[in-house]
C-alpha atoms as a PDB file:
ATOM      1  CA  UNK A   1      78.318  86.886  99.248  1.00  0.00           C
ATOM      2  CA  UNK A   2      76.801  89.823 101.104  1.00  0.00           C
ATOM      3  CA  UNK A   3      73.388  88.166 100.827  1.00  0.00           C
ATOM      4  CA  UNK A   4      74.708  85.066 102.573  1.00  0.00           C
ATOM      5  CA  UNK A   5      76.275  87.084 105.393  1.00  0.00           C
ATOM      6  CA  UNK A   6      73.094  89.122 105.739  1.00  0.00           C
ATOM      7  CA  UNK A   7      71.056  85.925 105.941  1.00  0.00           C
ATOM      8  CA  UNK A   8      73.362  84.604 108.648  1.00  0.00           C
ATOM      9  CA  UNK A   9      72.908  87.822 110.636  1.00  0.00           C
ATOM     10  CA  UNK A  10      69.115  87.721 110.218  1.00  0.00           C
ATOM     11  CA  UNK A  11      69.089  84.095 111.340  1.00  0.00           C
ATOM     12  CA  UNK A  12      71.206  85.080 114.314  1.00  0.00           C
ATOM     13  CA  UNK A  13      68.680  87.718 115.347  1.00  0.00           C
ATOM     14  CA  UNK A  14      65.757  85.350 114.786  1.00  0.00           C
ATOM     15  CA  UNK A  15      67.306  82.555 116.794  1.00  0.00           C
ATOM     16  CA  UNK A  16      68.178  84.936 119.619  1.00  0.00           C
ATOM     17  CA  UNK A  17      64.588  86.136 119.770  1.00  0.00           C
ATOM     18  CA  UNK A  18      63.461  82.523 119.724  1.00  0.00           C
ATOM     19  CA  UNK A  19      65.713  81.280 122.461  1.00  0.00           C
ATOM     20  CA  UNK A  20      64.988  84.303 124.635  1.00  0.00           C
ATOM     21  CA  UNK A  21      61.237  83.789 124.634  1.00  0.00           C
ATOM     22  CA  UNK A  22      60.813  82.236 128.057  1.00  0.00           C
ATOM     23  CA  UNK A  23      60.996  83.517 131.643  1.00  0.00           C
ATOM     24  CA  UNK A  24      63.346  84.062 134.529  1.00  0.00           C
ATOM     25  CA  UNK A  25      62.721  80.501 135.692  1.00  0.00           C
ATOM     26  CA  UNK A  26      64.973  79.280 132.890  1.00  0.00           C
ATOM     27  CA  UNK A  27      67.969  80.941 134.525  1.00  0.00           C
ATOM     28  CA  UNK A  28      68.338  83.874 132.135  1.00  0.00           C
ATOM     29  CA  UNK A  29      68.594  87.603 132.595  1.00  0.00           C
ATOM     30  CA  UNK A  30      71.053  87.743 135.499  1.00  0.00           C
ATOM     31  CA  UNK A  31      72.848  91.076 135.916  1.00  0.00           C
ATOM     32  CA  UNK A  32      70.726  92.507 133.108  1.00  0.00           C
ATOM     33  CA  UNK A  33      72.256  90.214 130.493  1.00  0.00           C
ATOM     34  CA  UNK A  34      70.427  87.872 128.122  1.00  0.00           C
ATOM     35  CA  UNK A  35      72.211  84.683 129.208  1.00  0.00           C
ATOM     36  CA  UNK A  36      72.107  82.617 132.391  1.00  0.00           C
ATOM     37  CA  UNK A  37      75.846  81.863 132.175  1.00  0.00           C
ATOM     38  CA  UNK A  38      78.514  84.494 132.891  1.00  0.00           C
ATOM     39  CA  UNK A  39      80.856  83.693 130.003  1.00  0.00           C
ATOM     40  CA  UNK A  40      81.443  81.095 127.354  1.00  0.00           C
ATOM     41  CA  UNK A  41      82.368  80.001 123.860  1.00  0.00           C
ATOM     42  CA  UNK A  42      79.864  78.219 121.623  1.00  0.00           C
ATOM     43  CA  UNK A  43      81.118  76.622 118.409  1.00  0.00           C
ATOM     44  CA  UNK A  44      78.543  75.556 115.823  1.00  0.00           C
ATOM     45  CA  UNK A  45      78.855  72.824 113.216  1.00  0.00           C
ATOM     46  CA  UNK A  46      79.709  74.118 109.728  1.00  0.00           C
ATOM     47  CA  UNK A  47      76.556  74.929 107.750  1.00  0.00           C
ATOM     48  CA  UNK A  48      76.218  74.492 103.987  1.00  0.00           C
ATOM     49  CA  UNK A  49      74.252  77.155 102.110  1.00  0.00           C
ATOM     50  CA  UNK A  50      74.183  77.968  98.383  1.00  0.00           C
ATOM     51  CA  UNK A  51      77.482  76.188  97.772  1.00  0.00           C
ATOM     52  CA  UNK A  52      79.140  77.904 100.711  1.00  0.00           C
ATOM     53  CA  UNK A  53      80.303  76.496 104.038  1.00  0.00           C
ATOM     54  CA  UNK A  54      79.632  78.830 106.964  1.00  0.00           C
ATOM     55  CA  UNK A  55      81.224  78.306 110.391  1.00  0.00           C
ATOM     56  CA  UNK A  56      80.159  80.337 113.411  1.00  0.00           C
ATOM     57  CA  UNK A  57      81.591  80.767 116.902  1.00  0.00           C
ATOM     58  CA  UNK A  58      80.103  82.962 119.618  1.00  0.00           C
ATOM     59  CA  UNK A  59      82.155  84.437 122.473  1.00  0.00           C
ATOM     60  CA  UNK A  60      80.312  86.101 125.347  1.00  0.00           C
ATOM     61  CA  UNK A  61      81.021  87.627 128.745  1.00  0.00           C
ATOM     62  CA  UNK A  62      79.131  89.499 131.471  1.00  0.00           C
ATOM     63  CA  UNK A  63      76.068  87.249 130.980  1.00  0.00           C
ATOM     64  CA  UNK A  64      75.899  88.182 127.304  1.00  0.00           C
ATOM     65  CA  UNK A  65      76.157  91.948 127.720  1.00  0.00           C
ATOM     66  CA  UNK A  66      79.350  91.546 125.681  1.00  0.00           C
ATOM     67  CA  UNK A  67      79.177  89.220 122.698  1.00  0.00           C
ATOM     68  CA  UNK A  68      81.225  88.609 119.558  1.00  0.00           C
ATOM     69  CA  UNK A  69      80.099  86.437 116.661  1.00  0.00           C
ATOM     70  CA  UNK A  70      82.897  85.124 114.430  1.00  0.00           C
ATOM     71  CA  UNK A  71      81.813  84.013 110.946  1.00  0.00           C
ATOM     72  CA  UNK A  72      84.056  82.169 108.490  1.00  0.00           C
ATOM     73  CA  UNK A  73      82.678  81.544 104.998  1.00  0.00           C
ATOM     74  CA  UNK A  74      84.322  79.634 102.166  1.00  0.00           C
ATOM     75  CA  UNK A  75      83.294  77.934  98.947  1.00  0.00           C
ATOM     76  CA  UNK A  76      82.379  78.749  95.364  1.00  0.00           C
ATOM     77  CA  UNK A  77      79.677  81.114  94.115  1.00  0.00           C
ATOM     78  CA  UNK A  78      78.894  82.065  90.507  1.00  0.00           C
ATOM     79  CA  UNK A  79      82.207  80.582  89.380  1.00  0.00           C
ATOM     80  CA  UNK A  80      84.199  82.516  91.960  1.00  0.00           C
ATOM     81  CA  UNK A  81      86.181  81.070  94.838  1.00  0.00           C
ATOM     82  CA  UNK A  82      85.137  82.932  97.973  1.00  0.00           C
ATOM     83  CA  UNK A  83      86.606  83.081 101.460  1.00  0.00           C
ATOM     84  CA  UNK A  84      85.741  85.564 104.194  1.00  0.00           C
ATOM     85  CA  UNK A  85      86.418  86.050 107.885  1.00  0.00           C
ATOM     86  CA  UNK A  86      84.194  88.563 109.682  1.00  0.00           C
ATOM     87  CA  UNK A  87      83.260  89.609 113.209  1.00  0.00           C
ATOM     88  CA  UNK A  88      80.172  91.188 114.761  1.00  0.00           C
ATOM     89  CA  UNK A  89      80.799  92.712 118.191  1.00  0.00           C
ATOM     90  CA  UNK A  90      77.985  93.809 120.495  1.00  0.00           C
ATOM     91  CA  UNK A  91      78.406  95.591 123.812  1.00  0.00           C
ATOM     92  CA  UNK A  92      75.206  96.878 125.334  1.00  0.00           C
ATOM     93  CA  UNK A  93      73.326  98.678 122.555  1.00  0.00           C
ATOM     94  CA  UNK A  94      76.375  99.185 120.333  1.00  0.00           C
ATOM     95  CA  UNK A  95      77.175  96.833 117.443  1.00  0.00           C
ATOM     96  CA  UNK A  96      80.338  96.876 115.288  1.00  0.00           C
ATOM     97  CA  UNK A  97      81.006  94.800 112.159  1.00  0.00           C
ATOM     98  CA  UNK A  98      84.414  94.339 110.532  1.00  0.00           C
ATOM     99  CA  UNK A  99      86.196  91.936 108.188  1.00  0.00           C
ATOM    100  CA  UNK A 100      89.645  90.416 108.456  1.00  0.00           C
ATOM    101  CA  UNK A 101      89.442  89.132 104.903  1.00  0.00           C
ATOM    102  CA  UNK A 102      87.006  88.939 101.999  1.00  0.00           C
ATOM    103  CA  UNK A 103      88.737  87.044  99.205  1.00  0.00           C
ATOM    104  CA  UNK A 104      87.301  86.464  95.736  1.00  0.00           C
ATOM    105  CA  UNK A 105      89.450  84.488  93.297  1.00  0.00           C
ATOM    106  CA  UNK A 106      92.577  85.330  95.263  1.00  0.00           C
ATOM    107  CA  UNK A 107      91.896  89.074  95.666  1.00  0.00           C
ATOM    108  CA  UNK A 108      91.238  90.394  99.164  1.00  0.00           C
ATOM    109  CA  UNK A 109      88.603  93.156  99.043  1.00  0.00           C
ATOM    110  CA  UNK A 110      88.357  93.634 102.810  1.00  0.00           C
ATOM    111  CA  UNK A 111      89.100  97.143 104.065  1.00  0.00           C
ATOM    112  CA  UNK A 112      90.439  98.436 107.364  1.00  0.00           C
ATOM    113  CA  UNK A 113      87.011  99.817 108.214  1.00  0.00           C
ATOM    114  CA  UNK A 114      84.656  98.773 111.005  1.00  0.00           C
ATOM    115  CA  UNK A 115      81.012  99.824 110.880  1.00  0.00           C
ATOM    116  CA  UNK A 116      79.336 100.899 114.089  1.00  0.00           C
ATOM    117  CA  UNK A 117      75.632 101.290 114.744  1.00  0.00           C
ATOM    118  CA  UNK A 118      73.288 101.527 117.697  1.00  0.00           C
ATOM    119  CA  UNK A 119      70.700  98.812 118.290  1.00  0.00           C
ATOM    120  CA  UNK A 120      67.257 100.193 119.228  1.00  0.00           C
ATOM    121  CA  UNK A 121      66.684  99.550 122.925  1.00  0.00           C
ATOM    122  CA  UNK A 122      63.216  98.208 122.222  1.00  0.00           C
ATOM    123  CA  UNK A 123      64.628  95.606 119.816  1.00  0.00           C
ATOM    124  CA  UNK A 124      67.267  94.432 122.276  1.00  0.00           C
ATOM    125  CA  UNK A 125      64.714  94.214 125.084  1.00  0.00           C
ATOM    126  CA  UNK A 126      62.601  91.920 122.920  1.00  0.00           C
ATOM    127  CA  UNK A 127      65.493  89.462 122.947  1.00  0.00           C
ATOM    128  CA  UNK A 128      65.360  88.966 126.718  1.00  0.00           C
ATOM    129  CA  UNK A 129      63.293  86.350 128.532  1.00  0.00           C
ATOM    130  CA  UNK A 130      62.257  88.878 131.144  1.00  0.00           C
ATOM    131  CA  UNK A 131      60.868  91.473 128.739  1.00  0.00           C
ATOM    132  CA  UNK A 132      59.385  89.552 125.799  1.00  0.00           C
ATOM    133  CA  UNK A 133      55.659  90.172 126.082  1.00  0.00           C
ATOM    134  CA  UNK A 134      52.966  87.512 126.141  1.00  0.00           C
ATOM    135  CA  UNK A 135      51.464  89.303 123.144  1.00  0.00           C
ATOM    136  CA  UNK A 136      54.624  88.812 121.078  1.00  0.00           C
ATOM    137  CA  UNK A 137      54.879  85.174 122.155  1.00  0.00           C
ATOM    138  CA  UNK A 138      51.320  84.661 120.968  1.00  0.00           C
ATOM    139  CA  UNK A 139      51.971  86.499 117.704  1.00  0.00           C
ATOM    140  CA  UNK A 140      55.012  84.327 116.961  1.00  0.00           C
ATOM    141  CA  UNK A 141      53.165  81.178 118.138  1.00  0.00           C
ATOM    142  CA  UNK A 142      55.988  80.409 120.503  1.00  0.00           C
ATOM    143  CA  UNK A 143      55.705  77.001 122.193  1.00  0.00           C
ATOM    144  CA  UNK A 144      57.980  74.926 124.397  1.00  0.00           C
ATOM    145  CA  UNK A 145      57.963  71.148 123.976  1.00  0.00           C
ATOM    146  CA  UNK A 146      60.080  69.167 126.396  1.00  0.00           C
ATOM    147  CA  UNK A 147      63.845  68.876 126.294  1.00  0.00           C
ATOM    148  CA  UNK A 148      66.616  67.701 123.975  1.00  0.00           C
ATOM    149  CA  UNK A 149      70.328  67.112 124.523  1.00  0.00           C
ATOM    150  CA  UNK A 150      72.716  68.949 122.191  1.00  0.00           C
ATOM    151  CA  UNK A 151      76.502  69.199 122.624  1.00  0.00           C
ATOM    152  CA  UNK A 152      76.169  67.448 125.990  1.00  0.00           C
ATOM    153  CA  UNK A 153      73.632  69.940 127.376  1.00  0.00           C
ATOM    154  CA  UNK A 154      69.944  69.269 127.979  1.00  0.00           C
ATOM    155  CA  UNK A 155      68.029  72.324 126.811  1.00  0.00           C
ATOM    156  CA  UNK A 156      64.457  73.407 126.192  1.00  0.00           C
ATOM    157  CA  UNK A 157      62.894  72.546 122.833  1.00  0.00           C
ATOM    158  CA  UNK A 158      60.790  75.267 121.224  1.00  0.00           C
ATOM    159  CA  UNK A 159      58.957  76.149 118.037  1.00  0.00           C
ATOM    160  CA  UNK A 160      57.842  79.488 116.628  1.00  0.00           C
ATOM    161  CA  UNK A 161      56.674  81.251 113.472  1.00  0.00           C
ATOM    162  CA  UNK A 162      59.002  84.301 113.353  1.00  0.00           C
ATOM    163  CA  UNK A 163      57.506  85.782 110.155  1.00  0.00           C
ATOM    164  CA  UNK A 164      53.883  86.866 110.632  1.00  0.00           C
ATOM    165  CA  UNK A 165      53.583  87.352 106.859  1.00  0.00           C
ATOM    166  CA  UNK A 166      54.536  83.704 106.335  1.00  0.00           C
ATOM    167  CA  UNK A 167      53.037  81.751 109.261  1.00  0.00           C
ATOM    168  CA  UNK A 168      53.732  78.426 107.560  1.00  0.00           C
ATOM    169  CA  UNK A 169      57.484  78.976 108.018  1.00  0.00           C
ATOM    170  CA  UNK A 170      58.162  77.414 111.400  1.00  0.00           C
ATOM    171  CA  UNK A 171      61.468  77.512 113.248  1.00  0.00           C
ATOM    172  CA  UNK A 172      62.310  74.808 115.776  1.00  0.00           C
ATOM    173  CA  UNK A 173      65.249  74.697 118.108  1.00  0.00           C
ATOM    174  CA  UNK A 174      66.812  74.106 121.496  1.00  0.00           C
ATOM    175  CA  UNK A 175      68.154  76.653 123.977  1.00  0.00           C
ATOM    176  CA  UNK A 176      69.939  76.353 127.308  1.00  0.00           C
ATOM    177  CA  UNK A 177      69.643  79.331 129.650  1.00  0.00           C
ATOM    178  CA  UNK A 178      68.958  81.514 126.599  1.00  0.00           C
ATOM    179  CA  UNK A 179      72.002  80.209 124.720  1.00  0.00           C
ATOM    180  CA  UNK A 180      71.248  78.725 121.321  1.00  0.00           C
ATOM    181  CA  UNK A 181      72.108  75.058 120.918  1.00  0.00           C
ATOM    182  CA  UNK A 182      70.086  74.264 117.817  1.00  0.00           C
ATOM    183  CA  UNK A 183      67.938  75.992 115.182  1.00  0.00           C
ATOM    184  CA  UNK A 184      66.221  74.542 112.118  1.00  0.00           C
ATOM    185  CA  UNK A 185      64.331  76.820 109.740  1.00  0.00           C
ATOM    186  CA  UNK A 186      63.674  76.907 105.988  1.00  0.00           C
ATOM    187  CA  UNK A 187      66.151  74.126 105.255  1.00  0.00           C
ATOM    188  CA  UNK A 188      68.859  75.730 107.388  1.00  0.00           C
ATOM    189  CA  UNK A 189      70.312  73.869 110.354  1.00  0.00           C
ATOM    190  CA  UNK A 190      72.478  75.466 113.047  1.00  0.00           C
ATOM    191  CA  UNK A 191      73.706  73.021 115.696  1.00  0.00           C
ATOM    192  CA  UNK A 192      76.219  73.562 118.494  1.00  0.00           C
ATOM    193  CA  UNK A 193      79.056  71.037 118.490  1.00  0.00           C
ATOM    194  CA  UNK A 194      81.138  72.369 121.382  1.00  0.00           C
ATOM    195  CA  UNK A 195      80.243  74.511 124.394  1.00  0.00           C
ATOM    196  CA  UNK A 196      82.771  75.872 126.894  1.00  0.00           C
ATOM    197  CA  UNK A 197      81.048  77.729 129.721  1.00  0.00           C
ATOM    198  CA  UNK A 198      82.798  80.081 132.175  1.00  0.00           C
ATOM    199  CA  UNK A 199      85.707  80.297 129.747  1.00  0.00           C
ATOM    200  CA  UNK A 200      88.231  83.108 130.098  1.00  0.00           C
ATOM    201  CA  UNK A 201      87.545  85.320 127.085  1.00  0.00           C
ATOM    202  CA  UNK A 202      90.435  87.645 126.099  1.00  0.00           C
ATOM    203  CA  UNK A 203      89.388  91.304 126.170  1.00  0.00           C
ATOM    204  CA  UNK A 204      90.643  91.635 122.582  1.00  0.00           C
ATOM    205  CA  UNK A 205      87.740  89.480 121.388  1.00  0.00           C
ATOM    206  CA  UNK A 206      85.398  92.384 122.117  1.00  0.00           C
ATOM    207  CA  UNK A 207      87.554  95.074 120.504  1.00  0.00           C
ATOM    208  CA  UNK A 208      88.210  96.208 116.937  1.00  0.00           C
ATOM    209  CA  UNK A 209      91.838  95.418 115.969  1.00  0.00           C
ATOM    210  CA  UNK A 210      94.404  98.195 115.853  1.00  0.00           C
ATOM    211  CA  UNK A 211      94.637  99.994 112.521  1.00  0.00           C
ATOM    212  CA  UNK A 212      90.922  99.951 111.715  1.00  0.00           C
ATOM    213  CA  UNK A 213      88.843 103.097 111.241  1.00  0.00           C
ATOM    214  CA  UNK A 214      85.518 102.866 113.054  1.00  0.00           C
ATOM    215  CA  UNK A 215      82.731 104.473 111.031  1.00  0.00           C
ATOM    216  CA  UNK A 216      79.539 105.442 112.807  1.00  0.00           C
ATOM    217  CA  UNK A 217      76.913 104.566 110.199  1.00  0.00           C
ATOM    218  CA  UNK A 218      74.374 106.973 111.655  1.00  0.00           C
ATOM    219  CA  UNK A 219      76.864 109.839 111.815  1.00  0.00           C
ATOM    220  CA  UNK A 220      78.256 109.036 108.371  1.00  0.00           C
ATOM    221  CA  UNK A 221      74.848 109.114 106.696  1.00  0.00           C
ATOM    222  CA  UNK A 222      74.605 112.929 106.173  1.00  0.00           C
ATOM    223  CA  UNK A 223      78.136 113.271 104.798  1.00  0.00           C
ATOM    224  CA  UNK A 224      80.878 110.818 103.961  1.00  0.00           C
ATOM    225  CA  UNK A 225      83.762 110.980 106.379  1.00  0.00           C
ATOM    226  CA  UNK A 226      81.771 112.298 109.347  1.00  0.00           C
ATOM    227  CA  UNK A 227      81.715 110.255 112.532  1.00  0.00           C
ATOM    228  CA  UNK A 228      85.048 108.539 111.930  1.00  0.00           C
ATOM    229  CA  UNK A 229      87.653 107.815 114.528  1.00  0.00           C
ATOM    230  CA  UNK A 230      90.976 106.100 114.216  1.00  0.00           C
ATOM    231  CA  UNK A 231      91.666 103.088 116.401  1.00  0.00           C
END
């Protein structure tokens, strides 16, 4: 189960790097944010992987400086019925992950803990159109190839090889003002089915729910219990 969620997060990072590999002419990077739209909700079609169905929705505000990814997973794995509901919140360079539920065969193993970590500034900068270097574009063999309409929006088609150790693995997709509409890679397909731009996003979407303990993973590394604060 954790492997699937990790893969989803890795794909999310890869697709963000892919769709942010252009320039300011594509309408991205306003107000220092990665997206060319102030706020919105993007709902993706359910994705089947290893017997699991994964549904993702992204909520963003302030041109993507605030973003929450909601991931719902359900299905059967190794004879166990699995259902989970998790959130990844990012504001600036700070990322927080927490679960509402993580059910295996009827038992909820989710805890009231949220895990906080800082994203390296250099890594986040690589995800922006305005700062991705020509050298990195060349290394990833990034190319743009016309347009394609997805979820009613006409975006830029692209291809890239995100893994330099495996150049034969090519990712293709479509982005609109840096917002992912479609990604296909290694048999995985992520496609937007509904996009609501300039939506009013409740502030609670970017906050950890009451009752959770936020654990700073960096601070907690030297000794268990350090770096904790009660919400």
